[in-house]
Amino acid sequence: MYPKNEEIIGTMTIKEAAALWADPRREHLKRWGETFGVPLQELHPGHVVTYQKDRGEEVTASQVDAEVGALLALLKQIGLGDEIERRNQSLADAGEITIAEFNSLPEPARKY
């Protein structure tokens, strides 16, 4: 049984909040929690841009988008993240592929 979401507050870190969040998307917050130790209320669009760039070196754009989406859902649930949501553009919507996806392409395609 999961704890109640009302226990999540803006002064918690992502890792602390994810442990309390009664949503299956909390699994997508693991890397966020490892990357940023700032309180939820201090997150800003720059954190998302940095995360997308760094995480894109390891996983696909759809995985990065799922992880960003999970963070946005958590923030929205506690009344935060409006600026991040307004400024965020998913990698899929931008037509971006990640470095991990690029590196998985056959060599002729990478040269093209």
C-alpha atoms as a PDB file:
ATOM      1  CA  MET A   1       0.000   0.000   0.000  1.00  0.00           C
ATOM      2  CA  TYR A   2       1.304   3.434  -0.959  1.00  0.00           C
ATOM      3  CA  PRO A   3       1.381   6.442   1.385  1.00  0.00           C
ATOM      4  CA  LYS A   4      -1.006   9.298   0.614  1.00  0.00           C
ATOM      5  CA  ASN A   5       0.085  11.872  -1.963  1.00  0.00           C
ATOM      6  CA  GLU A   6      -0.814  14.725   0.393  1.00  0.00           C
ATOM      7  CA  GLU A   7       2.404  14.000   2.260  1.00  0.00           C
ATOM      8  CA  ILE A   8       4.442  15.265  -0.695  1.00  0.00           C
ATOM      9  CA  ILE A   9       5.527  18.886  -0.292  1.00  0.00           C
ATOM     10  CA  GLY A  10       7.657  21.297  -2.320  1.00  0.00           C
ATOM     11  CA  THR A  11      10.578  21.239   0.094  1.00  0.00           C
ATOM     12  CA  MET A  12      11.188  17.539  -0.623  1.00  0.00           C
ATOM     13  CA  THR A  13      13.704  16.332  -3.160  1.00  0.00           C
ATOM     14  CA  ILE A  14      12.598  14.269  -6.133  1.00  0.00           C
ATOM     15  CA  LYS A  15      13.923  11.133  -4.463  1.00  0.00           C
ATOM     16  CA  GLU A  16      11.973  11.809  -1.257  1.00  0.00           C
ATOM     17  CA  ALA A  17       8.778  12.633  -3.140  1.00  0.00           C
ATOM     18  CA  ALA A  18       9.054   9.610  -5.445  1.00  0.00           C
ATOM     19  CA  ALA A  19       9.170   7.325  -2.422  1.00  0.00           C
ATOM     20  CA  LEU A  20       5.766   8.691  -1.351  1.00  0.00           C
ATOM     21  CA  TRP A  21       4.088   9.142  -4.734  1.00  0.00           C
ATOM     22  CA  ALA A  22       1.280   6.626  -5.254  1.00  0.00           C
ATOM     23  CA  ASP A  23       1.622   6.594  -9.045  1.00  0.00           C
ATOM     24  CA  PRO A  24       3.269   3.878 -11.163  1.00  0.00           C
ATOM     25  CA  ARG A  25       5.214   6.609 -13.018  1.00  0.00           C
ATOM     26  CA  ARG A  26       7.323   7.063  -9.909  1.00  0.00           C
ATOM     27  CA  GLU A  27       9.667   4.442 -11.370  1.00  0.00           C
ATOM     28  CA  HIS A  28      10.566   7.023 -14.043  1.00  0.00           C
ATOM     29  CA  LEU A  29      11.853   9.364 -11.333  1.00  0.00           C
ATOM     30  CA  LYS A  30      14.763   7.180 -10.194  1.00  0.00           C
ATOM     31  CA  ARG A  31      17.377   8.861 -12.397  1.00  0.00           C
ATOM     32  CA  TRP A  32      15.926  12.296 -11.641  1.00  0.00           C
ATOM     33  CA  GLY A  33      16.442  11.588  -7.948  1.00  0.00           C
ATOM     34  CA  GLU A  34      20.018  10.512  -8.555  1.00  0.00           C
ATOM     35  CA  THR A  35      20.752  13.580 -10.689  1.00  0.00           C
ATOM     36  CA  PHE A  36      19.168  16.461  -8.782  1.00  0.00           C
ATOM     37  CA  GLY A  37      19.031  16.828  -5.021  1.00  0.00           C
ATOM     38  CA  VAL A  38      17.255  20.191  -4.980  1.00  0.00           C
ATOM     39  CA  PRO A  39      13.809  20.715  -3.467  1.00  0.00           C
ATOM     40  CA  LEU A  40      10.900  20.288  -5.886  1.00  0.00           C
ATOM     41  CA  GLN A  41       9.995  23.959  -5.512  1.00  0.00           C
ATOM     42  CA  GLU A  42      13.439  24.996  -6.797  1.00  0.00           C
ATOM     43  CA  LEU A  43      13.280  23.030 -10.054  1.00  0.00           C
ATOM     44  CA  HIS A  44      13.216  25.177 -13.198  1.00  0.00           C
ATOM     45  CA  PRO A  45      13.271  24.650 -16.976  1.00  0.00           C
ATOM     46  CA  GLY A  46      17.075  24.578 -17.001  1.00  0.00           C
ATOM     47  CA  HIS A  47      17.016  21.379 -14.962  1.00  0.00           C
ATOM     48  CA  VAL A  48      14.856  19.738 -17.622  1.00  0.00           C
ATOM     49  CA  VAL A  49      17.077  20.863 -20.505  1.00  0.00           C
ATOM     50  CA  THR A  50      20.168  19.582 -18.692  1.00  0.00           C
ATOM     51  CA  TYR A  51      18.437  16.304 -17.881  1.00  0.00           C
ATOM     52  CA  GLN A  52      17.275  15.789 -21.473  1.00  0.00           C
ATOM     53  CA  LYS A  53      20.783  16.362 -22.805  1.00  0.00           C
ATOM     54  CA  ASP A  54      22.578  14.195 -20.262  1.00  0.00           C
ATOM     55  CA  ARG A  55      20.023  11.382 -20.149  1.00  0.00           C
ATOM     56  CA  GLY A  56      19.834  11.332 -23.951  1.00  0.00           C
ATOM     57  CA  GLU A  57      23.396  10.048 -24.003  1.00  0.00           C
ATOM     58  CA  GLU A  58      22.140   6.809 -22.438  1.00  0.00           C
ATOM     59  CA  VAL A  59      18.546   6.164 -23.526  1.00  0.00           C
ATOM     60  CA  THR A  60      16.021   6.833 -26.283  1.00  0.00           C
ATOM     61  CA  ALA A  61      14.063  10.043 -26.713  1.00  0.00           C
ATOM     62  CA  SER A  62      10.841   8.262 -25.763  1.00  0.00           C
ATOM     63  CA  GLN A  63      12.394   7.134 -22.470  1.00  0.00           C
ATOM     64  CA  VAL A  64      13.634  10.656 -21.716  1.00  0.00           C
ATOM     65  CA  ASP A  65      10.183  12.042 -22.542  1.00  0.00           C
ATOM     66  CA  ALA A  66       8.542   9.491 -20.220  1.00  0.00           C
ATOM     67  CA  GLU A  67      10.878  10.491 -17.399  1.00  0.00           C
ATOM     68  CA  VAL A  68      10.248  14.212 -17.947  1.00  0.00           C
ATOM     69  CA  GLY A  69       6.509  13.521 -18.144  1.00  0.00           C
ATOM     70  CA  ALA A  70       6.604  11.711 -14.811  1.00  0.00           C
ATOM     71  CA  LEU A  71       8.335  14.657 -13.163  1.00  0.00           C
ATOM     72  CA  LEU A  72       5.820  17.094 -14.632  1.00  0.00           C
ATOM     73  CA  ALA A  73       2.923  14.946 -13.405  1.00  0.00           C
ATOM     74  CA  LEU A  74       4.368  14.866  -9.896  1.00  0.00           C
ATOM     75  CA  LEU A  75       4.949  18.620  -9.861  1.00  0.00           C
ATOM     76  CA  LYS A  76       1.481  19.361 -11.215  1.00  0.00           C
ATOM     77  CA  GLN A  77      -0.094  17.179  -8.552  1.00  0.00           C
ATOM     78  CA  ILE A  78       1.378  19.383  -5.817  1.00  0.00           C
ATOM     79  CA  GLY A  79       0.763  22.673  -7.613  1.00  0.00           C
ATOM     80  CA  LEU A  80       4.261  23.263  -8.999  1.00  0.00           C
ATOM     81  CA  GLY A  81       5.951  23.145 -12.386  1.00  0.00           C
ATOM     82  CA  ASP A  82       3.811  25.525 -14.456  1.00  0.00           C
ATOM     83  CA  GLU A  83       6.833  27.320 -15.913  1.00  0.00           C
ATOM     84  CA  ILE A  84       8.595  24.032 -16.636  1.00  0.00           C
ATOM     85  CA  GLU A  85       5.498  22.692 -18.382  1.00  0.00           C
ATOM     86  CA  ARG A  86       5.088  25.870 -20.470  1.00  0.00           C
ATOM     87  CA  ARG A  87       8.701  25.864 -21.641  1.00  0.00           C
ATOM     88  CA  ASN A  88       9.199  22.126 -22.027  1.00  0.00           C
ATOM     89  CA  GLN A  89       9.313  20.603 -25.477  1.00  0.00           C
ATOM     90  CA  SER A  90       9.465  16.846 -25.645  1.00  0.00           C
ATOM     91  CA  LEU A  91      12.259  15.384 -27.710  1.00  0.00           C
ATOM     92  CA  ALA A  92       9.701  13.527 -29.839  1.00  0.00           C
ATOM     93  CA  ASP A  93       7.818  16.753 -30.625  1.00  0.00           C
ATOM     94  CA  ALA A  94      11.095  18.435 -31.529  1.00  0.00           C
ATOM     95  CA  GLY A  95      11.989  15.558 -33.864  1.00  0.00           C
ATOM     96  CA  GLU A  96      15.180  14.953 -31.913  1.00  0.00           C
ATOM     97  CA  ILE A  97      17.017  11.679 -31.591  1.00  0.00           C
ATOM     98  CA  THR A  98      19.279  11.128 -28.661  1.00  0.00           C
ATOM     99  CA  ILE A  99      22.985  10.386 -28.787  1.00  0.00           C
ATOM    100  CA  ALA A 100      22.144   6.852 -27.641  1.00  0.00           C
ATOM    101  CA  GLU A 101      19.797   6.431 -30.615  1.00  0.00           C
ATOM    102  CA  PHE A 102      22.330   7.963 -33.013  1.00  0.00           C
ATOM    103  CA  ASN A 103      25.044   5.608 -31.781  1.00  0.00           C
ATOM    104  CA  SER A 104      22.762   2.609 -32.352  1.00  0.00           C
ATOM    105  CA  LEU A 105      22.381   3.442 -36.065  1.00  0.00           C
ATOM    106  CA  PRO A 106      24.452   1.514 -38.627  1.00  0.00           C
ATOM    107  CA  GLU A 107      27.685   3.274 -39.525  1.00  0.00           C
ATOM    108  CA  PRO A 108      26.550   4.292 -43.054  1.00  0.00           C
ATOM    109  CA  ALA A 109      23.533   6.046 -41.552  1.00  0.00           C
ATOM    110  CA  ARG A 110      25.686   7.850 -38.976  1.00  0.00           C
ATOM    111  CA  LYS A 111      27.977   9.122 -41.740  1.00  0.00           C
ATOM    112  CA  TYR A 112      25.032  10.392 -43.745  1.00  0.00           C
END
